Amino acid sequence: MFDWGQAAIAGTIVVVDGFFNRETRSPLSPAEQSYLHSSFMYTGGGLAVTALAARSMFRAGLPFRLMAANPCELSFLDREGGDILTLTSAVVMQGSSLVLVWWDLLVL
């Protein structure tokens, strides 16, 4: 059965989509296109590797085994692991002495 209300809604969606997605700027230069394509290539590769690692971990039952072993220890390691990664990146990027002091206090 044909319903005019559904047809009107679908037509409105198509028209609004065409209006908002029209090209309003000049095309990218070849250098900009190359940079954009290469950055999306690395982003897509990283997402693919992350998805494959997560899928293999869940298929092997690793999260369940970790939580069954000791959930409190896992949450502590997750929290401290995030702190360690943050401080490590700060040390590598900045190299300031204050960050090194915080790193020493965390490691103790």
C-alpha atoms as a PDB file:
ATOM      1  CA  MET A   1       0.000   0.000   0.000  1.00  0.00           C
ATOM      2  CA  PHE A   2       1.168   3.486  -0.803  1.00  0.00           C
ATOM      3  CA  ASP A   3       0.988   6.147   1.872  1.00  0.00           C
ATOM      4  CA  TRP A   4       1.320   9.803   0.869  1.00  0.00           C
ATOM      5  CA  GLY A   5       2.527  10.794   4.346  1.00  0.00           C
ATOM      6  CA  GLN A   6       5.503   8.456   4.163  1.00  0.00           C
ATOM      7  CA  ALA A   7       6.282   9.635   0.636  1.00  0.00           C
ATOM      8  CA  ALA A   8       6.197  13.272   1.801  1.00  0.00           C
ATOM      9  CA  ILE A   9       8.567  12.527   4.684  1.00  0.00           C
ATOM     10  CA  ALA A  10      10.973  10.616   2.420  1.00  0.00           C
ATOM     11  CA  GLY A  11      10.909  13.418  -0.177  1.00  0.00           C
ATOM     12  CA  THR A  12      11.557  16.042   2.506  1.00  0.00           C
ATOM     13  CA  ILE A  13      14.532  14.049   3.813  1.00  0.00           C
ATOM     14  CA  VAL A  14      16.014  13.764   0.310  1.00  0.00           C
ATOM     15  CA  VAL A  15      15.585  17.501  -0.380  1.00  0.00           C
ATOM     16  CA  VAL A  16      17.018  18.576   3.001  1.00  0.00           C
ATOM     17  CA  ASP A  17      19.942  16.156   2.606  1.00  0.00           C
ATOM     18  CA  GLY A  18      20.693  17.540  -0.854  1.00  0.00           C
ATOM     19  CA  PHE A  19      20.531  21.099   0.462  1.00  0.00           C
ATOM     20  CA  PHE A  20      22.853  20.587   3.440  1.00  0.00           C
ATOM     21  CA  ASN A  21      25.370  18.369   1.622  1.00  0.00           C
ATOM     22  CA  ARG A  22      25.918  20.544  -1.413  1.00  0.00           C
ATOM     23  CA  GLU A  23      29.445  21.656  -2.280  1.00  0.00           C
ATOM     24  CA  THR A  24      29.951  25.185  -0.938  1.00  0.00           C
ATOM     25  CA  ARG A  25      33.728  25.597  -1.163  1.00  0.00           C
ATOM     26  CA  SER A  26      36.453  25.258  -3.712  1.00  0.00           C
ATOM     27  CA  PRO A  27      37.947  21.806  -4.272  1.00  0.00           C
ATOM     28  CA  LEU A  28      41.079  20.773  -2.378  1.00  0.00           C
ATOM     29  CA  SER A  29      44.495  21.244  -3.881  1.00  0.00           C
ATOM     30  CA  PRO A  30      46.439  18.070  -4.772  1.00  0.00           C
ATOM     31  CA  ALA A  31      48.685  18.515  -1.716  1.00  0.00           C
ATOM     32  CA  GLU A  32      45.669  18.852   0.569  1.00  0.00           C
ATOM     33  CA  GLN A  33      44.019  15.815  -1.003  1.00  0.00           C
ATOM     34  CA  SER A  34      47.162  13.739  -0.534  1.00  0.00           C
ATOM     35  CA  TYR A  35      47.487  14.783   3.119  1.00  0.00           C
ATOM     36  CA  LEU A  36      43.818  14.069   3.774  1.00  0.00           C
ATOM     37  CA  HIS A  37      43.962  10.642   2.147  1.00  0.00           C
ATOM     38  CA  SER A  38      47.134   9.640   3.984  1.00  0.00           C
ATOM     39  CA  SER A  39      45.802  10.766   7.364  1.00  0.00           C
ATOM     40  CA  PHE A  40      42.559   8.835   6.869  1.00  0.00           C
ATOM     41  CA  MET A  41      44.559   5.807   5.737  1.00  0.00           C
ATOM     42  CA  TYR A  42      46.501   5.763   9.026  1.00  0.00           C
ATOM     43  CA  THR A  43      43.321   6.391  11.023  1.00  0.00           C
ATOM     44  CA  GLY A  44      41.558   3.519   9.280  1.00  0.00           C
ATOM     45  CA  GLY A  45      44.541   1.233   9.807  1.00  0.00           C
ATOM     46  CA  GLY A  46      44.631   2.040  13.512  1.00  0.00           C
ATOM     47  CA  LEU A  47      40.911   1.396  13.869  1.00  0.00           C
ATOM     48  CA  ALA A  48      41.239  -1.914  12.044  1.00  0.00           C
ATOM     49  CA  VAL A  49      44.104  -3.080  14.265  1.00  0.00           C
ATOM     50  CA  THR A  50      42.199  -2.022  17.402  1.00  0.00           C
ATOM     51  CA  ALA A  51      39.037  -3.803  16.251  1.00  0.00           C
ATOM     52  CA  LEU A  52      40.929  -7.002  15.434  1.00  0.00           C
ATOM     53  CA  ALA A  53      42.724  -6.984  18.792  1.00  0.00           C
ATOM     54  CA  ALA A  54      39.478  -6.388  20.705  1.00  0.00           C
ATOM     55  CA  ARG A  55      37.662  -9.105  18.760  1.00  0.00           C
ATOM     56  CA  SER A  56      40.395 -11.656  19.364  1.00  0.00           C
ATOM     57  CA  MET A  57      40.510 -10.805  23.086  1.00  0.00           C
ATOM     58  CA  PHE A  58      36.749 -11.204  23.476  1.00  0.00           C
ATOM     59  CA  ARG A  59      36.661 -14.433  21.451  1.00  0.00           C
ATOM     60  CA  ALA A  60      39.381 -15.864  23.705  1.00  0.00           C
ATOM     61  CA  GLY A  61      37.456 -14.820  26.837  1.00  0.00           C
ATOM     62  CA  LEU A  62      40.256 -12.675  28.215  1.00  0.00           C
ATOM     63  CA  PRO A  63      38.069  -9.928  29.774  1.00  0.00           C
ATOM     64  CA  PHE A  64      35.952 -12.510  31.591  1.00  0.00           C
ATOM     65  CA  ARG A  65      39.014 -14.338  32.928  1.00  0.00           C
ATOM     66  CA  LEU A  66      40.564 -11.077  34.122  1.00  0.00           C
ATOM     67  CA  MET A  67      37.398  -9.963  35.903  1.00  0.00           C
ATOM     68  CA  ALA A  68      36.831 -13.428  37.383  1.00  0.00           C
ATOM     69  CA  ALA A  69      40.375 -13.465  38.760  1.00  0.00           C
ATOM     70  CA  ASN A  70      40.183 -10.229  40.747  1.00  0.00           C
ATOM     71  CA  PRO A  71      37.986  -7.312  39.628  1.00  0.00           C
ATOM     72  CA  CYS A  72      39.422  -4.901  42.208  1.00  0.00           C
ATOM     73  CA  GLU A  73      42.965  -5.530  41.023  1.00  0.00           C
ATOM     74  CA  LEU A  74      41.922  -5.081  37.407  1.00  0.00           C
ATOM     75  CA  SER A  75      40.261  -1.719  38.080  1.00  0.00           C
ATOM     76  CA  PHE A  76      43.347  -0.561  40.027  1.00  0.00           C
ATOM     77  CA  LEU A  77      45.662  -1.611  37.193  1.00  0.00           C
ATOM     78  CA  ASP A  78      43.436   0.143  34.680  1.00  0.00           C
ATOM     79  CA  ARG A  79      43.513   3.387  36.671  1.00  0.00           C
ATOM     80  CA  GLU A  80      47.247   3.288  37.357  1.00  0.00           C
ATOM     81  CA  GLY A  81      48.011   2.167  33.819  1.00  0.00           C
ATOM     82  CA  GLY A  82      46.228   5.242  32.484  1.00  0.00           C
ATOM     83  CA  ASP A  83      48.223   7.454  34.842  1.00  0.00           C
ATOM     84  CA  ILE A  84      51.473   5.842  33.777  1.00  0.00           C
ATOM     85  CA  LEU A  85      50.681   6.266  30.084  1.00  0.00           C
ATOM     86  CA  THR A  86      49.712   9.898  30.609  1.00  0.00           C
ATOM     87  CA  LEU A  87      52.853  10.703  32.524  1.00  0.00           C
ATOM     88  CA  THR A  88      55.052   8.804  30.084  1.00  0.00           C
ATOM     89  CA  SER A  89      53.687  10.775  27.161  1.00  0.00           C
ATOM     90  CA  ALA A  90      54.105  13.999  29.109  1.00  0.00           C
ATOM     91  CA  VAL A  91      57.743  13.122  29.872  1.00  0.00           C
ATOM     92  CA  VAL A  92      58.448  12.304  26.246  1.00  0.00           C
ATOM     93  CA  MET A  93      56.725  15.420  24.925  1.00  0.00           C
ATOM     94  CA  GLN A  94      57.764  18.017  27.483  1.00  0.00           C
ATOM     95  CA  GLY A  95      60.677  16.680  29.499  1.00  0.00           C
ATOM     96  CA  SER A  96      59.997  19.106  32.355  1.00  0.00           C
ATOM     97  CA  SER A  97      61.366  18.364  35.808  1.00  0.00           C
ATOM     98  CA  LEU A  98      57.928  18.639  37.476  1.00  0.00           C
ATOM     99  CA  VAL A  99      56.605  15.809  35.332  1.00  0.00           C
ATOM    100  CA  LEU A 100      59.652  13.727  36.278  1.00  0.00           C
ATOM    101  CA  VAL A 101      58.935  14.339  39.979  1.00  0.00           C
ATOM    102  CA  TRP A 102      55.346  13.137  39.544  1.00  0.00           C
ATOM    103  CA  TRP A 103      56.654  10.123  37.656  1.00  0.00           C
ATOM    104  CA  ASP A 104      59.007   9.265  40.529  1.00  0.00           C
ATOM    105  CA  LEU A 105      56.180   9.578  43.070  1.00  0.00           C
ATOM    106  CA  LEU A 106      53.919   7.328  41.020  1.00  0.00           C
ATOM    107  CA  VAL A 107      56.542   4.628  40.601  1.00  0.00           C
ATOM    108  CA  LEU A 108      57.237   4.462  44.358  1.00  0.00           C
END
